[in-house]
Amino acid sequence: MQQMKSMSTLIEIEDNYDHMENVEYILENVLMPDDGSLEFRHLQDDYNSHLTLSCKCSNNNNCCNNIDFCHKGGLKYMRVKGELVVIPNESQQFRSILECNELCECQISKCLNRRVQYGPRQKLEVFESPLYKSKGLRTTAYIPSGAFICEYAGELLTLSEAQKRIQIIDENCQMNYILCLYEHSKTRLITIVDPSKRGNIGRYLNHSCQPNCKILPVRTNCPIPKIGIFAKRDILANEELCFHYAGGDNYNGMLNGKPCLCGSTHCNGFIPNTQI
């Protein structure tokens, strides 16, 4: 297994994982092929844009740990036993993360507002899941609640391209990996990711109606968010990692998909399809 790194930011993404099948391994989201549409041009413009919001934190041991000042308006991290975890937000006022970026004045080595941009956690393992009768992803070590696991990375799609691919998937009874993330602000923001042909280790997480993981939008340098997968609760070693394919307020789904095999006490019976 070869170590892979990206230099698209000042921080190197370290990713030691790979695929066991004919899928291109990528470190982070990439654009779909150019189809010549105006919709693609808009997506490309966003992909190549840079967030201008930055912090002015001083270079001390508590760098970017001032929740009331640094990047107001998003979820924050705190250090627990040497690991950054998302601070619980009981009010649900904020449902996304804005990490420090290249324009921030903080010292990277001391910054407490950078986690997803470093890449996936170690000790994850792709395995043949006996429950789902397919490949799945599990952890070989304990993961605390709120800890980052990995990104759900793949091709960024336009709405029309996603609709075309889903139609082909349905007609050919193929596995659907397309994830549509909805965010509600002054305008409705939609991010569509497809890791079916190009993706990272996040593509192996299965669906559960009572998942141990959750998904949060995370922005670093680009206005298009990374889809971050975080521990919803404490997760023990050798547990399979799952998230709800249409769960939470960041998603929109339909309960008319394939039969669900999660076996949870509150199973809906079907895997939610992506509603686009």
Protein backbone atom coordinates (compact mmCIF):
# COMPACT_ATOMS: atom_id res chain seq x y z
CA MET A 1 0.00 0.00 0.00
CA GLN A 2 1.55 3.26 -1.13
CA GLN A 3 1.35 6.51 0.81
CA MET A 4 -0.41 9.21 -1.18
CA LYS A 5 -0.16 12.97 -0.64
CA SER A 6 -1.77 16.06 -2.07
CA MET A 7 -0.12 19.47 -2.20
CA SER A 8 -3.26 21.45 -3.15
CA THR A 9 -2.98 23.23 0.21
CA LEU A 10 -0.14 24.12 2.57
CA ILE A 11 -0.96 20.91 4.44
CA GLU A 12 -0.16 17.52 2.92
CA ILE A 13 -3.03 15.05 2.86
CA GLU A 14 -1.68 11.73 4.07
CA ASP A 15 -3.69 8.76 2.90
CA ASN A 16 -2.30 5.22 3.15
CA TYR A 17 -5.37 3.50 1.74
CA ASP A 18 -6.11 2.02 -1.67
CA HIS A 19 -8.85 0.17 -3.53
CA MET A 20 -9.00 -3.58 -4.05
CA GLU A 21 -10.94 -3.20 -7.28
CA ASN A 22 -10.90 -1.26 -10.54
CA VAL A 23 -11.52 2.18 -9.01
CA GLU A 24 -9.17 5.15 -9.21
CA TYR A 25 -8.10 6.22 -5.72
CA ILE A 26 -8.28 9.97 -5.15
CA LEU A 27 -7.40 11.99 -2.06
CA GLU A 28 -10.16 14.58 -2.31
CA ASN A 29 -12.99 15.64 -4.61
CA VAL A 30 -12.27 16.13 -8.32
CA LEU A 31 -14.40 17.62 -11.07
CA MET A 32 -16.46 15.44 -13.38
CA PRO A 33 -15.38 15.50 -17.05
CA ASP A 34 -16.23 18.74 -18.83
CA ASP A 35 -19.51 18.27 -20.72
CA GLY A 36 -19.44 21.77 -22.20
CA SER A 37 -22.52 22.90 -20.26
CA LEU A 38 -23.02 26.24 -18.52
CA GLU A 39 -23.84 24.26 -15.38
CA PHE A 40 -20.38 22.69 -15.47
CA ARG A 41 -18.77 26.13 -15.89
CA HIS A 42 -20.48 27.31 -12.70
CA LEU A 43 -19.31 24.19 -10.85
CA GLN A 44 -15.79 24.67 -12.19
CA ASP A 45 -15.77 28.32 -11.09
CA ASP A 46 -16.75 27.32 -7.54
CA TYR A 47 -14.16 24.52 -7.53
CA ASN A 48 -11.40 26.93 -8.50
CA SER A 49 -12.52 29.69 -6.11
CA HIS A 50 -10.94 30.39 -2.73
CA LEU A 51 -12.67 31.38 0.49
CA THR A 52 -11.57 34.82 1.65
CA LEU A 53 -12.61 34.44 5.29
CA SER A 54 -9.55 33.98 7.49
CA CYS A 55 -8.55 34.18 11.13
CA LYS A 56 -6.13 36.57 12.82
CA CYS A 57 -5.25 34.24 15.66
CA SER A 58 -1.93 34.68 17.45
CA ASN A 59 0.65 31.92 17.42
CA ASN A 60 0.16 30.50 20.89
CA ASN A 61 -0.80 27.17 22.39
CA ASN A 62 -4.51 27.99 22.17
CA CYS A 63 -4.40 29.05 18.54
CA CYS A 64 -7.86 29.06 16.94
CA ASN A 65 -9.46 27.74 20.12
CA ASN A 66 -11.55 30.86 20.73
CA ILE A 67 -15.03 29.64 19.78
CA ASP A 68 -16.55 33.13 20.02
CA PHE A 69 -14.01 34.73 17.69
CA CYS A 70 -12.34 32.38 15.25
CA HIS A 71 -14.59 31.71 12.22
CA LYS A 72 -17.91 32.57 13.82
CA GLY A 73 -20.92 30.59 12.72
CA GLY A 74 -19.77 26.98 12.55
CA LEU A 75 -19.13 23.88 14.60
CA LYS A 76 -15.80 23.79 16.43
CA TYR A 77 -13.25 21.24 17.57
CA MET A 78 -11.85 20.59 21.02
CA ARG A 79 -8.90 18.43 21.99
CA VAL A 80 -9.82 15.29 23.95
CA LYS A 81 -7.00 12.96 24.96
CA GLY A 82 -4.79 14.30 22.21
CA GLU A 83 -7.41 14.12 19.45
CA LEU A 84 -9.58 16.83 17.92
CA VAL A 85 -13.30 16.06 18.14
CA VAL A 86 -16.34 18.13 17.17
CA ILE A 87 -17.82 20.01 20.12
CA PRO A 88 -21.41 18.79 20.70
CA ASN A 89 -23.99 21.35 19.61
CA GLU A 90 -27.21 20.76 21.52
CA SER A 91 -29.05 23.67 19.90
CA GLN A 92 -28.33 22.41 16.37
CA GLN A 93 -27.82 26.06 15.40
CA PHE A 94 -24.71 25.21 13.41
CA ARG A 95 -24.44 22.15 11.17
CA SER A 96 -21.21 22.70 9.27
CA ILE A 97 -17.52 23.25 9.93
CA LEU A 98 -15.28 26.00 8.61
CA GLU A 99 -11.65 25.04 9.11
CA CYS A 100 -8.71 27.42 8.91
CA ASN A 101 -7.26 27.83 5.43
CA GLU A 102 -4.22 29.10 3.54
CA LEU A 103 -5.11 32.74 4.21
CA CYS A 104 -5.30 32.32 7.98
CA GLU A 105 -2.54 33.90 10.06
CA CYS A 106 -2.44 31.14 12.66
CA GLN A 107 0.51 28.78 13.03
CA ILE A 108 -0.46 25.53 11.34
CA SER A 109 1.36 23.29 13.82
CA LYS A 110 -0.56 24.82 16.77
CA CYS A 111 -3.93 25.41 15.10
CA LEU A 112 -6.89 23.60 16.70
CA ASN A 113 -9.18 24.27 13.77
CA ARG A 114 -7.66 21.93 11.19
CA ARG A 115 -8.50 18.25 11.03
CA VAL A 116 -10.32 17.12 7.88
CA GLN A 117 -7.68 18.70 5.64
CA TYR A 118 -5.04 16.33 7.07
CA GLY A 119 -6.83 13.30 5.61
CA PRO A 120 -8.44 10.12 6.99
CA ARG A 121 -7.67 8.60 10.35
CA GLN A 122 -5.48 5.54 10.56
CA LYS A 123 -6.51 1.98 11.40
CA LEU A 124 -9.46 1.76 9.03
CA GLU A 125 -9.97 -1.48 7.15
CA VAL A 126 -12.01 -2.52 4.12
CA PHE A 127 -13.49 -5.96 4.71
CA GLU A 128 -16.21 -8.33 3.52
CA SER A 129 -19.16 -7.46 5.74
CA PRO A 130 -21.15 -10.56 6.77
CA LEU A 131 -24.11 -8.35 7.67
CA TYR A 132 -24.37 -6.54 4.34
CA LYS A 133 -22.88 -9.32 2.20
CA SER A 134 -20.66 -6.75 0.49
CA LYS A 135 -17.54 -4.74 1.18
CA GLY A 136 -17.69 -2.49 4.21
CA LEU A 137 -15.41 -0.32 6.31
CA ARG A 138 -14.49 -0.97 9.93
CA THR A 139 -12.09 0.43 12.48
CA THR A 140 -9.44 -1.68 14.17
CA ALA A 141 -9.13 0.80 17.04
CA TYR A 142 -11.42 2.77 19.35
CA ILE A 143 -12.83 6.04 17.93
CA PRO A 144 -14.20 8.70 20.32
CA SER A 145 -17.50 10.44 19.66
CA GLY A 146 -17.08 13.47 17.40
CA ALA A 147 -13.79 12.30 15.88
CA PHE A 148 -13.16 12.61 12.16
CA ILE A 149 -13.03 9.32 10.24
CA CYS A 150 -12.63 10.13 6.56
CA GLU A 151 -13.99 12.21 3.72
CA TYR A 152 -16.61 10.93 1.29
CA ALA A 153 -14.63 11.91 -1.79
CA GLY A 154 -15.40 11.39 -5.45
CA GLU A 155 -16.35 13.23 -8.62
CA LEU A 156 -18.23 16.48 -8.12
CA LEU A 157 -21.29 16.38 -10.37
CA THR A 158 -23.68 18.91 -11.82
CA LEU A 159 -27.35 18.31 -11.15
CA SER A 160 -28.06 17.25 -14.74
CA GLU A 161 -25.09 14.84 -14.81
CA ALA A 162 -26.22 13.28 -11.54
CA GLN A 163 -29.71 12.74 -12.94
CA LYS A 164 -28.26 11.05 -16.03
CA ARG A 165 -26.05 8.75 -13.98
CA ILE A 166 -28.85 7.78 -11.60
CA GLN A 167 -31.08 6.89 -14.55
CA ILE A 168 -28.36 4.59 -15.92
CA ILE A 169 -27.83 3.07 -12.45
CA ASP A 170 -31.55 2.35 -12.08
CA GLU A 171 -31.90 0.91 -15.59
CA ASN A 172 -28.97 -1.44 -15.07
CA CYS A 173 -29.68 -2.30 -11.39
CA GLN A 174 -26.22 -1.06 -10.40
CA MET A 175 -24.92 0.03 -7.02
CA ASN A 176 -25.63 3.72 -6.39
CA TYR A 177 -22.75 5.57 -4.69
CA ILE A 178 -24.00 9.08 -5.51
CA LEU A 179 -24.46 11.23 -2.40
CA CYS A 180 -26.35 14.49 -2.52
CA LEU A 181 -25.67 16.87 0.37
CA TYR A 182 -28.20 19.63 1.00
CA GLU A 183 -27.41 22.69 3.08
CA HIS A 184 -29.97 25.30 4.04
CA SER A 185 -28.85 28.90 4.41
CA LYS A 186 -30.18 31.98 2.63
CA THR A 187 -30.09 29.84 -0.51
CA ARG A 188 -30.25 26.08 -0.85
CA LEU A 189 -26.75 24.70 -1.43
CA ILE A 190 -26.34 21.31 -3.09
CA THR A 191 -23.14 19.27 -3.33
CA ILE A 192 -23.25 16.03 -5.34
CA VAL A 193 -20.43 13.48 -5.09
CA ASP A 194 -20.01 10.22 -7.01
CA PRO A 195 -17.17 7.87 -5.92
CA SER A 196 -18.25 4.95 -8.09
CA LYS A 197 -15.27 5.20 -10.49
CA ARG A 198 -13.02 7.67 -8.67
CA GLY A 199 -13.16 7.90 -4.91
CA ASN A 200 -11.48 7.27 -1.57
CA ILE A 201 -12.03 4.87 1.32
CA GLY A 202 -15.27 6.63 2.27
CA ARG A 203 -17.12 4.86 -0.55
CA TYR A 204 -17.13 1.62 1.46
CA LEU A 205 -19.33 2.80 4.34
CA ASN A 206 -22.69 1.02 4.31
CA HIS A 207 -26.07 2.43 5.29
CA SER A 208 -27.63 1.92 8.71
CA CYS A 209 -30.93 3.17 10.10
CA GLN A 210 -29.14 3.51 13.47
CA PRO A 211 -25.65 4.56 12.34
CA ASN A 212 -22.52 5.09 14.40
CA CYS A 213 -21.34 7.84 12.01
CA LYS A 214 -22.73 11.12 10.73
CA ILE A 215 -21.86 13.45 7.89
CA LEU A 216 -21.02 17.15 8.14
CA PRO A 217 -20.08 19.67 5.45
CA VAL A 218 -16.54 20.93 6.02
CA ARG A 219 -15.00 23.88 4.19
CA THR A 220 -11.29 24.60 4.06
CA ASN A 221 -10.07 26.60 1.06
CA CYS A 222 -12.88 26.02 -1.43
CA PRO A 223 -16.55 27.14 -1.14
CA ILE A 224 -17.60 23.63 -2.17
CA PRO A 225 -17.61 21.61 1.06
CA LYS A 226 -15.85 18.37 1.74
CA ILE A 227 -18.29 15.72 2.97
CA GLY A 228 -16.76 14.76 6.30
CA ILE A 229 -17.68 11.53 8.08
CA PHE A 230 -17.53 11.79 11.89
CA ALA A 231 -18.19 9.40 14.77
CA LYS A 232 -21.75 9.89 16.03
CA ARG A 233 -20.90 8.06 19.25
CA ASP A 234 -17.97 6.21 20.77
CA ILE A 235 -17.05 3.38 18.39
CA LEU A 236 -15.29 0.24 19.57
CA ALA A 237 -12.50 -1.59 17.76
CA ASN A 238 -13.73 -3.92 14.99
CA GLU A 239 -17.11 -2.18 14.66
CA GLU A 240 -18.32 -1.63 11.12
CA LEU A 241 -18.71 2.04 10.24
CA CYS A 242 -22.06 3.14 8.81
CA PHE A 243 -24.02 6.32 8.21
CA HIS A 244 -27.64 7.03 7.27
CA TYR A 245 -27.77 7.60 3.53
CA ALA A 246 -30.64 10.07 3.96
CA GLY A 247 -30.38 10.83 7.67
CA GLY A 248 -30.20 14.17 9.43
CA ASP A 249 -31.14 17.63 8.27
CA ASN A 250 -28.34 17.82 5.71
CA TYR A 251 -29.92 15.18 3.46
CA ASN A 252 -32.94 14.48 1.38
CA GLY A 253 -33.83 10.93 0.50
CA MET A 254 -36.57 8.52 -0.51
CA LEU A 255 -37.37 5.28 1.26
CA ASN A 256 -38.00 3.31 -1.91
CA GLY A 257 -34.60 1.79 -2.49
CA LYS A 258 -33.21 -1.69 -2.05
CA PRO A 259 -34.06 -3.74 1.06
CA CYS A 260 -32.02 -2.62 4.08
CA LEU A 261 -29.84 -5.21 5.81
CA CYS A 262 -28.72 -3.13 8.80
CA GLY A 263 -30.78 -5.23 11.25
CA SER A 264 -31.29 -2.32 13.69
CA THR A 265 -34.35 -2.22 15.93
CA HIS A 266 -35.61 0.88 14.11
CA CYS A 267 -34.83 -0.29 10.58
CA ASN A 268 -36.99 1.39 7.92
CA GLY A 269 -36.79 -1.70 5.72
CA PHE A 270 -35.27 0.05 2.71
CA ILE A 271 -32.03 1.85 1.84
CA PRO A 272 -32.90 5.47 0.99
CA ASN A 273 -32.30 6.50 -2.60
CA THR A 274 -30.75 9.85 -3.39
CA GLN A 275 -33.46 12.37 -4.23
CA ILE A 276 -32.29 14.78 -6.92
